[in-house]
Protein backbone atom coordinates (compact mmCIF):
# COMPACT_ATOMS: atom_id res chain seq x y z
CA MET A 1 -36.21 -147.68 82.44
CA SER A 2 -38.29 -145.74 84.96
CA ARG A 3 -41.98 -146.14 85.74
CA HIS A 4 -42.01 -142.36 86.48
CA TYR A 5 -40.39 -140.43 83.52
CA ASP A 6 -38.10 -140.66 80.49
CA VAL A 7 -34.89 -141.21 82.75
CA GLU A 8 -32.81 -141.76 79.55
CA ALA A 9 -33.84 -138.38 77.84
CA ILE A 10 -32.96 -136.71 81.26
CA ARG A 11 -29.66 -138.69 81.33
CA ARG A 12 -28.60 -137.21 77.90
CA GLN A 13 -28.33 -134.00 79.55
CA PHE A 14 -25.56 -135.21 81.86
CA PRO A 15 -22.53 -136.12 79.85
CA VAL A 16 -20.53 -137.18 82.96
CA THR A 17 -22.60 -140.31 83.00
CA GLU A 18 -20.71 -141.24 79.88
CA ARG A 19 -17.55 -141.20 81.60
CA MET A 20 -18.12 -142.57 85.06
CA LEU A 21 -20.64 -144.15 87.30
CA TYR A 22 -21.71 -140.88 89.29
CA LEU A 23 -23.38 -141.68 92.63
CA ASP A 24 -22.71 -138.56 94.60
CA SER A 25 -25.52 -136.01 94.01
CA ALA A 26 -25.65 -135.57 97.80
CA HIS A 27 -22.19 -133.78 97.48
CA GLN A 28 -22.76 -132.07 94.09
CA THR A 29 -24.79 -132.72 91.25
CA PRO A 30 -23.01 -132.86 87.88
CA LEU A 31 -23.82 -129.67 85.40
CA ALA A 32 -26.79 -130.49 82.90
CA THR A 33 -26.40 -129.16 79.49
CA SER A 34 -29.31 -127.12 79.74
CA VAL A 35 -27.81 -125.32 82.85
CA ARG A 36 -24.39 -125.02 81.33
CA ASP A 37 -25.83 -123.34 78.08
CA ALA A 38 -27.72 -120.87 80.52
CA LEU A 39 -24.54 -119.85 82.07
CA ILE A 40 -22.76 -119.41 78.79
CA ALA A 41 -25.64 -117.27 77.36
CA PHE A 42 -25.63 -115.07 80.57
CA TYR A 43 -21.74 -114.43 80.07
CA ARG A 44 -22.17 -113.84 76.39
CA GLU A 45 -24.88 -111.34 77.29
CA GLY A 46 -22.79 -109.60 79.77
CA SER A 47 -19.83 -109.61 77.13
CA GLU A 48 -21.58 -108.33 74.22
CA THR A 49 -24.01 -105.80 76.10
CA ALA A 50 -21.82 -104.65 78.93
CA GLY A 51 -24.25 -106.27 81.38
CA PRO A 52 -27.92 -105.28 81.06
CA LYS A 53 -28.60 -105.24 84.80
CA PRO A 54 -32.13 -104.06 84.88
CA VAL A 55 -32.99 -106.94 82.44
CA TRP A 56 -31.05 -109.52 84.83
CA LEU A 57 -32.87 -108.21 87.77
CA ASP A 58 -36.27 -108.57 86.30
CA ARG A 59 -35.23 -112.24 85.50
CA VAL A 60 -34.37 -112.39 89.15
CA GLU A 61 -37.91 -111.90 90.19
CA ALA A 62 -39.20 -114.20 87.58
CA VAL A 63 -36.87 -116.99 89.19
CA ARG A 64 -37.94 -115.92 92.72
CA GLY A 65 -41.53 -116.68 91.57
CA ARG A 66 -40.76 -120.04 90.13
CA LEU A 67 -38.94 -121.04 93.53
CA ALA A 68 -41.92 -119.84 95.28
CA LYS A 69 -44.25 -122.13 93.34
CA LEU A 70 -41.71 -124.92 94.03
CA LEU A 71 -42.11 -124.60 97.61
CA ASN A 72 -45.59 -123.56 97.95
CA ALA A 73 -44.67 -120.12 99.21
CA ALA A 74 -45.22 -116.33 98.20
CA PRO A 75 -42.47 -114.77 96.24
CA ALA A 76 -42.12 -112.16 98.97
CA GLU A 77 -41.30 -115.37 101.41
CA ILE A 78 -38.10 -116.15 99.35
CA ALA A 79 -34.66 -114.42 99.68
CA PHE A 80 -31.45 -115.33 97.74
CA THR A 81 -28.32 -116.21 99.69
CA LYS A 82 -24.80 -117.58 99.04
CA ASN A 83 -25.40 -121.14 100.43
CA THR A 84 -26.96 -123.16 103.38
CA SER A 85 -24.68 -121.81 105.94
CA GLU A 86 -25.41 -118.37 105.38
CA GLY A 87 -28.94 -119.16 105.37
CA MET A 88 -28.57 -120.97 108.77
CA ASN A 89 -26.62 -118.17 110.29
CA ILE A 90 -29.36 -115.57 109.02
CA ALA A 91 -31.95 -117.64 110.91
CA ALA A 92 -29.97 -118.30 114.14
CA ASN A 93 -29.30 -114.44 114.48
CA ALA A 94 -32.71 -113.43 113.32
CA LEU A 95 -34.56 -115.36 116.04
CA PRO A 96 -35.33 -113.05 119.09
CA LEU A 97 -33.23 -115.17 121.51
CA VAL A 98 -32.04 -113.80 124.89
CA ALA A 99 -29.49 -115.38 127.46
CA GLY A 100 -31.18 -118.22 129.17
CA ASP A 101 -33.23 -119.51 126.19
CA ASN A 102 -32.30 -122.82 124.60
CA VAL A 103 -32.58 -124.23 121.13
CA LEU A 104 -32.80 -128.05 120.28
CA LEU A 105 -30.61 -129.56 117.65
CA VAL A 106 -30.26 -133.23 116.37
CA GLU A 107 -27.02 -134.83 117.76
CA GLY A 108 -24.81 -135.56 114.56
CA ASP A 109 -26.51 -133.16 112.22
CA HIS A 110 -24.98 -131.15 109.78
CA PRO A 111 -22.26 -129.10 111.73
CA ASN A 112 -23.11 -125.80 109.69
CA ASN A 113 -26.45 -125.96 111.23
CA ALA A 114 -25.11 -126.52 114.60
CA TYR A 115 -22.34 -124.02 114.59
CA ALA A 116 -24.82 -121.28 113.55
CA PHE A 117 -26.66 -121.84 116.85
CA LEU A 118 -23.53 -122.82 118.79
CA ASN A 119 -22.11 -119.37 117.95
CA LEU A 120 -25.00 -117.93 120.18
CA ARG A 121 -23.68 -119.37 123.25
CA ARG A 122 -21.61 -116.07 123.36
CA LYS A 123 -24.95 -114.30 124.02
CA GLY A 124 -26.09 -116.81 126.66
CA VAL A 125 -28.35 -118.99 124.50
CA GLU A 126 -28.15 -122.79 125.42
CA VAL A 127 -27.74 -125.40 122.81
CA ARG A 128 -29.20 -128.74 123.37
CA PHE A 129 -28.46 -131.89 121.19
CA VAL A 130 -31.20 -134.44 121.10
CA PRO A 131 -29.91 -137.87 120.27
CA MET A 132 -31.31 -139.83 117.51
CA THR A 133 -31.49 -143.63 118.11
CA GLY A 134 -32.42 -146.39 115.57
CA GLU A 135 -33.61 -145.70 112.04
CA THR A 136 -36.60 -143.52 112.61
CA ALA A 137 -36.46 -139.77 113.07
CA ARG A 138 -40.03 -138.83 114.58
CA ALA A 139 -41.51 -135.48 116.36
CA GLU A 140 -41.88 -137.38 119.69
CA MET A 141 -37.92 -137.43 120.10
CA PHE A 142 -37.73 -133.80 120.80
CA ALA A 143 -40.92 -133.59 123.43
CA PRO A 144 -38.80 -134.58 126.38
CA HIS A 145 -36.33 -132.00 125.89
CA ILE A 146 -38.55 -129.06 125.81
CA ASP A 147 -39.04 -126.85 128.91
CA ALA A 148 -40.10 -123.45 129.63
CA ARG A 149 -36.88 -121.73 127.97
CA THR A 150 -36.97 -123.76 124.87
CA ARG A 151 -37.44 -121.34 122.03
CA ALA A 152 -36.81 -123.19 118.89
CA ILE A 153 -35.94 -126.47 117.04
CA SER A 154 -33.48 -126.59 114.16
CA LEU A 155 -32.67 -129.59 112.17
CA SER A 156 -32.01 -131.16 108.47
CA HIS A 157 -34.97 -132.25 106.54
CA VAL A 158 -32.86 -135.13 105.32
CA THR A 159 -29.84 -136.08 107.15
CA PHE A 160 -26.56 -136.04 104.98
CA HIS A 161 -24.87 -138.85 106.85
CA ALA A 162 -27.50 -141.59 106.73
CA GLY A 163 -30.35 -140.21 104.82
CA HIS A 164 -32.95 -140.14 107.66
CA ARG A 165 -36.07 -138.24 106.72
CA PHE A 166 -37.76 -136.18 109.39
CA ASP A 167 -41.55 -135.47 109.35
CA ILE A 168 -41.03 -131.72 109.15
CA ALA A 169 -45.08 -131.27 109.35
CA ALA A 170 -45.18 -133.29 112.43
CA ILE A 171 -42.22 -131.28 113.95
CA GLY A 172 -43.73 -128.13 112.66
CA ALA A 173 -47.02 -129.05 114.51
CA LEU A 174 -44.97 -129.74 117.74
CA CYS A 175 -43.33 -126.35 117.52
CA ARG A 176 -46.67 -124.65 117.07
CA GLN A 177 -48.32 -126.28 120.08
CA ASN A 178 -45.04 -125.33 122.19
CA GLU A 179 -44.88 -121.87 120.63
CA LEU A 180 -41.42 -122.59 119.38
CA TYR A 181 -39.68 -121.19 116.20
CA PHE A 182 -38.97 -124.02 113.71
CA VAL A 183 -35.79 -123.86 111.27
CA VAL A 184 -35.10 -126.08 108.78
CA ASP A 185 -32.02 -127.08 106.56
CA ALA A 186 -33.52 -128.47 103.23
CA MET A 187 -30.18 -128.80 101.67
CA GLN A 188 -30.40 -132.45 100.94
CA SER A 189 -34.20 -132.56 100.11
CA VAL A 190 -35.06 -129.41 97.77
CA GLY A 191 -35.40 -130.56 94.15
CA VAL A 192 -35.62 -134.26 95.48
CA VAL A 193 -38.43 -134.62 97.92
CA PRO A 194 -41.58 -132.29 97.60
CA ILE A 195 -41.44 -129.40 100.19
CA ASP A 196 -44.70 -127.61 101.04
CA ALA A 197 -43.11 -124.77 103.06
CA ALA A 198 -46.63 -123.49 104.16
CA ALA A 199 -47.68 -126.85 105.53
CA SER A 200 -44.48 -127.58 107.21
CA GLY A 201 -45.10 -124.95 109.90
CA ALA A 202 -41.42 -123.67 109.46
CA ASN A 203 -40.56 -120.19 110.14
CA LEU A 204 -37.37 -120.55 108.10
CA ILE A 205 -36.03 -122.81 105.61
CA GLY A 206 -32.76 -122.66 104.09
CA ALA A 207 -30.86 -124.53 101.40
CA GLY A 208 -28.11 -124.27 99.05
CA CYS A 209 -28.80 -124.92 95.15
CA HIS A 210 -25.82 -127.08 94.13
CA LYS A 211 -27.49 -130.54 94.88
CA GLY A 212 -31.19 -131.04 94.04
CA LEU A 213 -31.48 -127.85 92.32
CA LEU A 214 -28.72 -128.73 89.94
CA VAL A 215 -26.41 -125.36 89.73
CA PRO A 216 -23.05 -124.62 90.52
CA GLN A 217 -22.14 -123.57 94.12
CA GLY A 218 -22.31 -119.95 95.41
CA LEU A 219 -26.14 -119.79 95.51
CA GLY A 220 -28.73 -120.48 98.34
CA ILE A 221 -32.31 -119.77 99.00
CA LEU A 222 -34.14 -118.80 102.16
CA TYR A 223 -37.77 -119.22 103.06
CA CYS A 224 -39.18 -116.79 105.77
CA ARG A 225 -42.69 -117.34 106.35
CA ALA A 226 -44.93 -114.05 106.00
CA GLY A 227 -45.77 -111.86 109.07
CA GLN A 228 -42.69 -112.37 111.09
CA ASP A 229 -41.84 -108.75 111.40
CA GLU A 230 -39.85 -109.72 114.89
CA LEU A 231 -37.20 -111.44 112.91
CA GLN A 232 -34.60 -109.01 112.33
CA PRO A 233 -31.45 -109.43 110.14
CA ALA A 234 -28.05 -109.14 111.74
CA TYR A 235 -26.73 -106.79 109.02
CA MET A 236 -28.27 -104.60 106.46
CA ALA A 237 -27.68 -102.69 103.35
CA MET A 238 -29.53 -100.67 100.63
CA SER A 239 -31.10 -103.85 99.28
CA SER A 240 -32.55 -104.53 102.73
CA LEU A 241 -34.61 -101.65 102.99
CA ALA A 242 -38.29 -100.96 101.99
CA HIS A 243 -37.20 -97.50 100.53
CA PRO A 244 -33.82 -97.55 99.39
CA PRO A 245 -32.56 -93.66 99.09
CA ALA A 246 -32.51 -92.71 95.53
CA ASP A 247 -29.49 -90.25 95.99
CA TYR A 248 -27.57 -93.04 97.84
CA ILE A 249 -27.26 -90.96 101.01
CA ALA A 250 -27.88 -93.17 104.34
CA ARG A 251 -30.33 -91.52 106.83
CA ALA A 252 -31.08 -92.82 110.28
CA ASP A 253 -34.80 -91.88 109.71
CA ASN A 254 -34.98 -94.29 106.71
CA MET A 255 -34.13 -97.76 108.00
CA ALA A 256 -37.47 -99.49 107.56
CA LEU A 257 -36.81 -102.96 106.27
CA ARG A 258 -38.40 -104.60 103.29
CA PRO A 259 -41.41 -106.86 104.09
CA GLY A 260 -40.83 -110.45 104.02
CA ALA A 261 -37.67 -112.44 103.20
CA GLY A 262 -36.18 -109.53 101.18
CA ARG A 263 -35.03 -107.93 104.33
CA PHE A 264 -32.22 -110.81 104.45
CA GLU A 265 -30.81 -109.98 101.09
CA ILE A 266 -27.67 -107.87 101.08
CA GLY A 267 -25.71 -106.60 98.14
CA ASN A 268 -25.33 -107.86 94.62
CA LEU A 269 -26.72 -111.20 94.07
CA ASN A 270 -25.27 -114.33 92.16
CA LEU A 271 -26.81 -113.49 89.03
CA PRO A 272 -25.11 -116.15 86.91
CA ASP A 273 -26.37 -118.91 89.07
CA ILE A 274 -29.77 -117.38 89.44
CA HIS A 275 -29.84 -117.53 85.60
CA ALA A 276 -28.68 -120.93 85.79
CA LEU A 277 -31.32 -121.87 88.35
CA ASP A 278 -34.06 -120.57 85.73
CA ALA A 279 -32.79 -123.37 83.41
CA SER A 280 -32.70 -126.17 86.27
CA LEU A 281 -36.13 -125.36 87.28
CA SER A 282 -37.30 -125.93 83.86
CA LEU A 283 -35.64 -129.34 83.91
CA ILE A 284 -37.07 -130.26 87.23
CA GLU A 285 -40.55 -129.14 86.23
CA SER A 286 -40.36 -130.95 83.21
CA VAL A 287 -40.13 -134.15 85.40
CA GLY A 288 -41.86 -133.10 88.61
CA THR A 289 -40.48 -133.36 92.23
CA PRO A 290 -42.84 -136.22 93.09
CA ALA A 291 -41.69 -138.18 89.93
CA ILE A 292 -38.13 -137.56 90.82
CA GLU A 293 -38.86 -138.64 94.42
CA ALA A 294 -40.60 -141.76 93.28
CA HIS A 295 -37.89 -142.82 90.62
CA LEU A 296 -35.27 -142.33 93.33
CA HIS A 297 -36.89 -144.55 95.81
CA ASP A 298 -37.20 -147.26 93.37
CA LEU A 299 -33.38 -147.15 92.79
CA GLY A 300 -33.34 -147.08 96.65
CA ASP A 301 -35.28 -150.30 96.82
CA ARG A 302 -33.14 -152.00 94.12
CA LEU A 303 -29.79 -150.93 95.82
CA ILE A 304 -31.14 -152.56 99.21
CA GLU A 305 -32.10 -155.60 97.40
CA ARG A 306 -28.78 -156.03 95.80
CA LEU A 307 -26.87 -155.25 99.20
CA ASP A 308 -28.82 -157.71 100.94
CA GLY A 309 -27.86 -160.13 98.31
CA LEU A 310 -24.34 -159.15 98.72
CA GLY A 311 -24.42 -159.28 102.59
CA VAL A 312 -23.45 -155.67 102.68
CA GLY A 313 -25.40 -153.85 105.51
CA LEU A 314 -27.06 -150.23 105.18
CA VAL A 315 -26.44 -147.77 107.88
CA GLY A 316 -29.61 -145.64 108.42
CA PRO A 317 -33.31 -146.36 107.69
CA ARG A 318 -34.67 -148.95 105.33
CA ALA A 319 -38.40 -148.20 105.23
CA ARG A 320 -39.60 -145.77 102.62
CA ALA A 321 -41.41 -143.72 105.27
CA ASP A 322 -38.26 -143.12 107.24
CA ARG A 323 -35.45 -142.73 104.54
CA SER A 324 -34.52 -140.05 102.08
CA PRO A 325 -35.06 -141.53 98.40
CA HIS A 326 -31.65 -140.61 97.34
CA ILE A 327 -29.16 -141.00 100.19
CA TYR A 328 -27.79 -144.47 101.32
CA VAL A 329 -24.47 -145.15 103.47
CA LEU A 330 -23.03 -148.80 103.04
CA ASP A 331 -21.50 -150.38 105.90
CA LEU A 332 -18.21 -150.65 104.34
CA PRO A 333 -14.94 -149.20 105.73
CA VAL A 334 -13.80 -146.05 103.86
CA GLU A 335 -10.52 -147.43 103.40
CA PRO A 336 -10.00 -149.50 101.29
CA TRP A 337 -13.35 -149.13 99.62
CA HIS A 338 -13.37 -145.61 98.77
CA ALA A 339 -10.09 -145.97 96.81
CA PHE A 340 -11.13 -148.75 95.11
CA LEU A 341 -14.38 -147.51 93.92
CA SER A 342 -12.68 -144.33 92.57
CA SER A 343 -10.32 -146.67 90.73
CA ARG A 344 -13.11 -148.11 88.99
CA GLN A 345 -14.35 -144.59 87.92
CA VAL A 346 -17.27 -144.76 90.57
CA ARG A 347 -17.95 -141.55 92.26
CA VAL A 348 -19.23 -141.82 95.88
CA SER A 349 -18.49 -139.89 99.34
CA PRO A 350 -16.81 -141.22 102.13
CA GLU A 351 -19.02 -140.94 105.15
CA ARG A 352 -18.44 -141.07 108.95
CA ASP A 353 -20.13 -144.67 109.18
CA GLY A 354 -19.30 -145.89 105.63
CA ILE A 355 -19.57 -145.42 101.73
CA ARG A 356 -22.33 -143.08 100.95
CA VAL A 357 -24.16 -143.59 97.61
CA SER A 358 -26.42 -140.78 96.59
CA PHE A 359 -28.63 -140.59 93.50
CA GLY A 360 -29.85 -138.02 91.08
CA LEU A 361 -32.67 -137.63 88.87
CA PHE A 362 -30.51 -139.14 85.74
CA ASN A 363 -29.46 -142.17 87.47
CA THR A 364 -30.99 -145.58 86.42
CA ILE A 365 -31.48 -149.07 87.40
CA ASP A 366 -28.64 -150.30 85.31
CA ASP A 367 -26.45 -147.95 87.37
CA VAL A 368 -27.52 -149.72 90.59
CA ASP A 369 -26.82 -153.19 88.99
CA ARG A 370 -23.69 -152.11 87.59
CA PHE A 371 -22.53 -150.74 90.92
CA ALA A 372 -23.23 -154.19 92.56
CA ARG A 373 -21.11 -156.04 90.23
CA ILE A 374 -18.32 -153.70 90.90
CA LEU A 375 -18.58 -154.50 94.60
CA THR A 376 -17.95 -158.15 94.13
CA GLU A 377 -14.66 -157.26 92.19
CA HIS A 378 -13.13 -156.13 95.34
CA GLY A 379 -12.88 -159.82 96.70
CA THR A 380 -13.57 -159.28 100.12
CA LEU A 381 -17.49 -159.52 100.26
CA PRO A 382 -18.97 -162.84 101.72
CA ALA A 383 -18.98 -165.87 99.40
CA ARG A 384 -22.52 -165.62 98.49
CA ALA A 385 -21.73 -162.02 96.63
CA SER A 386 -20.66 -163.74 93.42
CA ALA A 387 -23.74 -165.71 92.96
CA ALA A 388 -25.96 -162.64 94.00
CA ALA A 389 -24.40 -160.40 91.41
């Protein structure tokens, strides 16, 4: 049961829950039946009608509008990419950085955010890693590292390795005060945590769609705040232009870019996944991101309660204000625990500091209790574990 929505009805759309205890949505969410059906319908349409591309492209714009609404953005502020890594690389190369400038990143954050900026060292841009200590991830941690040559801060909204949740509105305010660009990797938060792009102060927000947005890998989104004409794409094609040549002849006097995020789109889009995203957005909207967040926080509270009873530590924040609602890393050694849980048909991820449990909108309190009971079967937990289970 859930206090926030009919989780059992949602769960019926995820057949994987009948075969395993799936606690790995921060890695990849399983396919919902409605999303699967949308993919099948797309391929059937392509097979039977030889691909009605104008119709498909009209649908792309409709999905762009739905994404914009989800993020409190304008449709022109949304571009489609391949994944988060491409979005972060687009962002890093779009910023008007020159030799001697520096960018602040979070130490231990996802490497595909870091490498996008580390690659700029070849242009003389300095990357500074800001250490994160304890359970909190606050705006104040960046202030001592800002100097006259700092130009940007880039970070994950939610950290993949322990579920720290940054207050991006506060960090966005810090960036405005210091005239810095602000880049956000929302891979682990979009679809799970409400995101208000306008209020965040972010210049660019990138994410993939195969986690909280429930579609297969190969599709990403990039928010680019309106009015940032100084942000230039590192590469371009006809689709990047404000006026693509109707005769398909490139001309040096026709290189004006599309306004907004569209300047960063290049070539054909992942049409199957975009059509699948249309179905997944219907599923997400039927519940509401605030309700998803609240339900997952309830699951996290229950998990922490059960872990405390079993004597199992939690790596990362415990307080709701500081943690992601869905990512929890258990202080258990990857070996033998990952293999043991796999043998019990429990899907989790090995993480740098332990075993990562991550919930999806289909998980239930019963899933948490079942997971706690399975932990006691290993036989290496403290003696009080049996009574707590």
